[in-house]
Amino acid sequence: MYGLYDKEGILRFVDSDKDACIAYAELFELGSTNYCLMDLADDTKKLEGAKFDQSLEEYNN
């Protein structure tokens, strides 16, 4: 799993595909100096039982 963080350290996107994270950054015009791509887990078993909700519906103004 990869996590894409913006320059403020906020997690913006999570995906198992590194290229999908980079495509997200390009879509929102985040330059390479404005984000950090991190490998979140080497083993998917570490994420067993973890829930990732990428929906921001409850936080929209």
PDB file of N, CA and C in Angstrom:
ATOM      1  N   MET A   1       0.849  -1.177   0.000  1.00  0.00           N
ATOM      2  CA  MET A   1       0.000   0.000   0.000  1.00  0.00           C
ATOM      3  C   MET A   1       0.892   1.236   0.000  1.00  0.00           C
ATOM      4  N   TYR A   2       0.445   2.221  -0.740  1.00  0.00           N
ATOM      5  CA  TYR A   2       1.169   3.483  -0.812  1.00  0.00           C
ATOM      6  C   TYR A   2       0.252   4.594  -0.336  1.00  0.00           C
ATOM      7  N   GLY A   3       0.832   5.557   0.334  1.00  0.00           N
ATOM      8  CA  GLY A   3       0.108   6.728   0.774  1.00  0.00           C
ATOM      9  C   GLY A   3       0.731   7.966   0.166  1.00  0.00           C
ATOM     10  N   LEU A   4      -0.110   8.843  -0.339  1.00  0.00           N
ATOM     11  CA  LEU A   4       0.353  10.094  -0.908  1.00  0.00           C
ATOM     12  C   LEU A   4      -0.016  11.213   0.068  1.00  0.00           C
ATOM     13  N   TYR A   5       0.991  11.878   0.589  1.00  0.00           N
ATOM     14  CA  TYR A   5       0.806  12.957   1.555  1.00  0.00           C
ATOM     15  C   TYR A   5       1.127  14.287   0.895  1.00  0.00           C
ATOM     16  N   ASP A   6       0.358  15.323   1.227  1.00  0.00           N
ATOM     17  CA  ASP A   6       0.689  16.638   0.692  1.00  0.00           C
ATOM     18  C   ASP A   6       1.778  17.280   1.545  1.00  0.00           C
ATOM     19  N   LYS A   7       2.208  18.477   1.171  1.00  0.00           N
ATOM     20  CA  LYS A   7       3.341  19.100   1.866  1.00  0.00           C
ATOM     21  C   LYS A   7       3.025  19.485   3.307  1.00  0.00           C
ATOM     22  N   GLU A   8       1.731  19.517   3.675  1.00  0.00           N
ATOM     23  CA  GLU A   8       1.351  19.779   5.064  1.00  0.00           C
ATOM     24  C   GLU A   8       1.311  18.499   5.884  1.00  0.00           C
ATOM     25  N   GLY A   9       1.561  17.353   5.241  1.00  0.00           N
ATOM     26  CA  GLY A   9       1.560  16.080   5.937  1.00  0.00           C
ATOM     27  C   GLY A   9       0.205  15.406   6.010  1.00  0.00           C
ATOM     28  N   ILE A  10      -0.750  15.889   5.224  1.00  0.00           N
ATOM     29  CA  ILE A  10      -2.090  15.319   5.219  1.00  0.00           C
ATOM     30  C   ILE A  10      -2.157  14.196   4.192  1.00  0.00           C
ATOM     31  N   LEU A  11      -2.654  13.044   4.620  1.00  0.00           N
ATOM     32  CA  LEU A  11      -2.821  11.913   3.722  1.00  0.00           C
ATOM     33  C   LEU A  11      -3.905  12.252   2.712  1.00  0.00           C
ATOM     34  N   ARG A  12      -3.559  12.250   1.436  1.00  0.00           N
ATOM     35  CA  ARG A  12      -4.503  12.619   0.385  1.00  0.00           C
ATOM     36  C   ARG A  12      -5.053  11.418  -0.374  1.00  0.00           C
ATOM     37  N   PHE A  13      -4.281  10.317  -0.462  1.00  0.00           N
ATOM     38  CA  PHE A  13      -4.706   9.189  -1.284  1.00  0.00           C
ATOM     39  C   PHE A  13      -3.983   7.935  -0.826  1.00  0.00           C
ATOM     40  N   VAL A  14      -4.684   6.793  -0.840  1.00  0.00           N
ATOM     41  CA  VAL A  14      -4.102   5.500  -0.500  1.00  0.00           C
ATOM     42  C   VAL A  14      -4.481   4.509  -1.588  1.00  0.00           C
ATOM     43  N   ASP A  15      -3.495   3.744  -2.071  1.00  0.00           N
ATOM     44  CA  ASP A  15      -3.763   2.736  -3.094  1.00  0.00           C
ATOM     45  C   ASP A  15      -2.637   1.711  -3.075  1.00  0.00           C
ATOM     46  N   SER A  16      -2.921   0.528  -3.560  1.00  0.00           N
ATOM     47  CA  SER A  16      -1.887  -0.507  -3.640  1.00  0.00           C
ATOM     48  C   SER A  16      -0.996  -0.316  -4.862  1.00  0.00           C
ATOM     49  N   ASP A  17      -1.419   0.531  -5.781  1.00  0.00           N
ATOM     50  CA  ASP A  17      -0.676   0.782  -7.014  1.00  0.00           C
ATOM     51  C   ASP A  17       0.044   2.133  -6.933  1.00  0.00           C
ATOM     52  N   LYS A  18       1.357   2.077  -6.995  1.00  0.00           N
ATOM     53  CA  LYS A  18       2.167   3.294  -6.913  1.00  0.00           C
ATOM     54  C   LYS A  18       1.820   4.259  -8.045  1.00  0.00           C
ATOM     55  N   ASP A  19       1.602   3.727  -9.247  1.00  0.00           N
ATOM     56  CA  ASP A  19       1.276   4.578 -10.392  1.00  0.00           C
ATOM     57  C   ASP A  19      -0.064   5.292 -10.216  1.00  0.00           C
ATOM     58  N   ALA A  20      -1.007   4.660  -9.528  1.00  0.00           N
ATOM     59  CA  ALA A  20      -2.296   5.298  -9.264  1.00  0.00           C
ATOM     60  C   ALA A  20      -2.112   6.506  -8.344  1.00  0.00           C
ATOM     61  N   CYS A  21      -1.210   6.394  -7.392  1.00  0.00           N
ATOM     62  CA  CYS A  21      -0.930   7.523  -6.495  1.00  0.00           C
ATOM     63  C   CYS A  21      -0.304   8.683  -7.269  1.00  0.00           C
ATOM     64  N   ILE A  22       0.595   8.354  -8.161  1.00  0.00           N
ATOM     65  CA  ILE A  22       1.238   9.395  -8.973  1.00  0.00           C
ATOM     66  C   ILE A  22       0.221  10.031  -9.909  1.00  0.00           C
ATOM     67  N   ALA A  23      -0.680   9.227 -10.468  1.00  0.00           N
ATOM     68  CA  ALA A  23      -1.733   9.763 -11.337  1.00  0.00           C
ATOM     69  C   ALA A  23      -2.642  10.707 -10.557  1.00  0.00           C
ATOM     70  N   TYR A  24      -2.923  10.372  -9.297  1.00  0.00           N
ATOM     71  CA  TYR A  24      -3.729  11.253  -8.443  1.00  0.00           C
ATOM     72  C   TYR A  24      -3.035  12.601  -8.282  1.00  0.00           C
ATOM     73  N   ALA A  25      -1.742  12.566  -8.006  1.00  0.00           N
ATOM     74  CA  ALA A  25      -0.974  13.801  -7.832  1.00  0.00           C
ATOM     75  C   ALA A  25      -1.013  14.635  -9.109  1.00  0.00           C
ATOM     76  N   GLU A  26      -0.875  13.990 -10.246  1.00  0.00           N
ATOM     77  CA  GLU A  26      -0.925  14.707 -11.522  1.00  0.00           C
ATOM     78  C   GLU A  26      -2.308  15.284 -11.775  1.00  0.00           C
ATOM     79  N   LEU A  27      -3.359  14.525 -11.442  1.00  0.00           N
ATOM     80  CA  LEU A  27      -4.729  14.987 -11.638  1.00  0.00           C
ATOM     81  C   LEU A  27      -4.998  16.278 -10.872  1.00  0.00           C
ATOM     82  N   PHE A  28      -4.495  16.341  -9.649  1.00  0.00           N
ATOM     83  CA  PHE A  28      -4.712  17.535  -8.824  1.00  0.00           C
ATOM     84  C   PHE A  28      -3.545  18.516  -8.895  1.00  0.00           C
ATOM     85  N   GLU A  29      -2.691  18.320  -9.903  1.00  0.00           N
ATOM     86  CA  GLU A  29      -1.582  19.222 -10.190  1.00  0.00           C
ATOM     87  C   GLU A  29      -0.682  19.460  -8.989  1.00  0.00           C
ATOM     88  N   LEU A  30      -0.385  18.367  -8.279  1.00  0.00           N
ATOM     89  CA  LEU A  30       0.568  18.442  -7.176  1.00  0.00           C
ATOM     90  C   LEU A  30       1.950  18.177  -7.756  1.00  0.00           C
ATOM     91  N   GLY A  31       2.791  19.164  -7.742  1.00  0.00           N
ATOM     92  CA  GLY A  31       4.143  18.987  -8.247  1.00  0.00           C
ATOM     93  C   GLY A  31       4.922  18.037  -7.347  1.00  0.00           C
ATOM     94  N   SER A  32       5.974  17.452  -7.887  1.00  0.00           N
ATOM     95  CA  SER A  32       6.741  16.461  -7.118  1.00  0.00           C
ATOM     96  C   SER A  32       7.344  17.043  -5.848  1.00  0.00           C
ATOM     97  N   THR A  33       7.476  18.349  -5.768  1.00  0.00           N
ATOM     98  CA  THR A  33       7.992  18.968  -4.546  1.00  0.00           C
ATOM     99  C   THR A  33       6.878  19.246  -3.538  1.00  0.00           C
ATOM    100  N   ASN A  34       5.623  18.979  -3.931  1.00  0.00           N
ATOM    101  CA  ASN A  34       4.489  19.263  -3.059  1.00  0.00           C
ATOM    102  C   ASN A  34       3.825  18.017  -2.477  1.00  0.00           C
ATOM    103  N   TYR A  35       4.422  16.846  -2.714  1.00  0.00           N
ATOM    104  CA  TYR A  35       3.862  15.641  -2.116  1.00  0.00           C
ATOM    105  C   TYR A  35       4.959  14.642  -1.784  1.00  0.00           C
ATOM    106  N   CYS A  36       4.594  13.695  -0.935  1.00  0.00           N
ATOM    107  CA  CYS A  36       5.498  12.619  -0.543  1.00  0.00           C
ATOM    108  C   CYS A  36       4.754  11.307  -0.731  1.00  0.00           C
ATOM    109  N   LEU A  37       5.379  10.368  -1.415  1.00  0.00           N
ATOM    110  CA  LEU A  37       4.795   9.054  -1.634  1.00  0.00           C
ATOM    111  C   LEU A  37       5.498   8.066  -0.717  1.00  0.00           C
ATOM    112  N   MET A  38       4.733   7.409   0.154  1.00  0.00           N
ATOM    113  CA  MET A  38       5.326   6.502   1.129  1.00  0.00           C
ATOM    114  C   MET A  38       4.748   5.102   0.989  1.00  0.00           C
ATOM    115  N   ASP A  39       5.614   4.103   1.139  1.00  0.00           N
ATOM    116  CA  ASP A  39       5.198   2.714   1.184  1.00  0.00           C
ATOM    117  C   ASP A  39       4.668   2.472   2.597  1.00  0.00           C
ATOM    118  N   LEU A  40       3.375   2.211   2.733  1.00  0.00           N
ATOM    119  CA  LEU A  40       2.757   2.104   4.047  1.00  0.00           C
ATOM    120  C   LEU A  40       2.965   0.743   4.704  1.00  0.00           C
ATOM    121  N   ALA A  41       3.093  -0.304   3.911  1.00  0.00           N
ATOM    122  CA  ALA A  41       3.274  -1.638   4.491  1.00  0.00           C
ATOM    123  C   ALA A  41       3.946  -2.545   3.474  1.00  0.00           C
ATOM    124  N   ASP A  42       4.945  -3.269   3.929  1.00  0.00           N
ATOM    125  CA  ASP A  42       5.597  -4.238   3.064  1.00  0.00           C
ATOM    126  C   ASP A  42       4.766  -5.505   2.953  1.00  0.00           C
ATOM    127  N   ASP A  43       3.976  -5.784   3.978  1.00  0.00           N
ATOM    128  CA  ASP A  43       3.198  -7.003   4.035  1.00  0.00           C
ATOM    129  C   ASP A  43       1.731  -6.640   4.239  1.00  0.00           C
ATOM    130  N   THR A  44       0.860  -7.070   3.332  1.00  0.00           N
ATOM    131  CA  THR A  44      -0.556  -6.710   3.433  1.00  0.00           C
ATOM    132  C   THR A  44      -1.213  -7.287   4.671  1.00  0.00           C
ATOM    133  N   LYS A  45      -0.605  -8.308   5.296  1.00  0.00           N
ATOM    134  CA  LYS A  45      -1.173  -8.875   6.514  1.00  0.00           C
ATOM    135  C   LYS A  45      -1.149  -7.859   7.651  1.00  0.00           C
ATOM    136  N   LYS A  46      -0.252  -6.904   7.591  1.00  0.00           N
ATOM    137  CA  LYS A  46      -0.191  -5.856   8.611  1.00  0.00           C
ATOM    138  C   LYS A  46      -1.464  -5.028   8.606  1.00  0.00           C
ATOM    139  N   LEU A  47      -2.142  -4.989   7.442  1.00  0.00           N
ATOM    140  CA  LEU A  47      -3.336  -4.169   7.310  1.00  0.00           C
ATOM    141  C   LEU A  47      -4.615  -4.958   7.548  1.00  0.00           C
ATOM    142  N   GLU A  48      -4.476  -6.200   7.941  1.00  0.00           N
ATOM    143  CA  GLU A  48      -5.643  -7.041   8.168  1.00  0.00           C
ATOM    144  C   GLU A  48      -6.539  -6.396   9.219  1.00  0.00           C
ATOM    145  N   GLY A  49      -7.778  -6.225   8.871  1.00  0.00           N
ATOM    146  CA  GLY A  49      -8.735  -5.612   9.777  1.00  0.00           C
ATOM    147  C   GLY A  49      -8.761  -4.100   9.702  1.00  0.00           C
ATOM    148  N   ALA A  50      -7.834  -3.501   8.997  1.00  0.00           N
ATOM    149  CA  ALA A  50      -7.810  -2.038   8.861  1.00  0.00           C
ATOM    150  C   ALA A  50      -8.844  -1.616   7.834  1.00  0.00           C
ATOM    151  N   LYS A  51      -9.471  -0.496   8.076  1.00  0.00           N
ATOM    152  CA  LYS A  51     -10.458   0.032   7.144  1.00  0.00           C
ATOM    153  C   LYS A  51      -9.979   1.400   6.669  1.00  0.00           C
ATOM    154  N   PHE A  52      -9.945   1.567   5.359  1.00  0.00           N
ATOM    155  CA  PHE A  52      -9.561   2.841   4.775  1.00  0.00           C
ATOM    156  C   PHE A  52     -10.773   3.426   4.094  1.00  0.00           C
ATOM    157  N   ASP A  53     -11.293   4.501   4.621  1.00  0.00           N
ATOM    158  CA  ASP A  53     -12.447   5.170   4.035  1.00  0.00           C
ATOM    159  C   ASP A  53     -11.944   6.402   3.313  1.00  0.00           C
ATOM    160  N   GLN A  54     -11.969   6.357   1.980  1.00  0.00           N
ATOM    161  CA  GLN A  54     -11.494   7.484   1.193  1.00  0.00           C
ATOM    162  C   GLN A  54     -12.598   8.497   0.942  1.00  0.00           C
ATOM    163  N   SER A  55     -13.775   8.245   1.480  1.00  0.00           N
ATOM    164  CA  SER A  55     -14.903   9.145   1.292  1.00  0.00           C
ATOM    165  C   SER A  55     -14.741  10.345   2.222  1.00  0.00           C
ATOM    166  N   LEU A  56     -14.967  11.506   1.673  1.00  0.00           N
ATOM    167  CA  LEU A  56     -14.896  12.732   2.479  1.00  0.00           C
ATOM    168  C   LEU A  56     -16.265  13.376   2.640  1.00  0.00           C
ATOM    169  N   GLU A  57     -17.326  12.617   2.348  1.00  0.00           N
ATOM    170  CA  GLU A  57     -18.667  13.172   2.369  1.00  0.00           C
ATOM    171  C   GLU A  57     -19.016  13.848   3.689  1.00  0.00           C
ATOM    172  N   GLU A  58     -18.669  13.225   4.790  1.00  0.00           N
ATOM    173  CA  GLU A  58     -19.037  13.783   6.084  1.00  0.00           C
ATOM    174  C   GLU A  58     -18.212  15.017   6.458  1.00  0.00           C
ATOM    175  N   TYR A  59     -17.115  15.264   5.723  1.00  0.00           N
ATOM    176  CA  TYR A  59     -16.272  16.404   6.031  1.00  0.00           C
ATOM    177  C   TYR A  59     -16.437  17.567   5.055  1.00  0.00           C
ATOM    178  N   ASN A  60     -17.260  17.384   4.033  1.00  0.00           N
ATOM    179  CA  ASN A  60     -17.468  18.469   3.065  1.00  0.00           C
ATOM    180  C   ASN A  60     -18.240  19.593   3.702  1.00  0.00           C
ATOM    181  N   ASN A  61     -17.888  20.807   3.331  1.00  0.00           N
ATOM    182  CA  ASN A  61     -18.611  21.986   3.846  1.00  0.00           C
ATOM    183  C   ASN A  61     -19.789  22.296   2.968  1.00  0.00           C
TER     184      ASN A  61
END
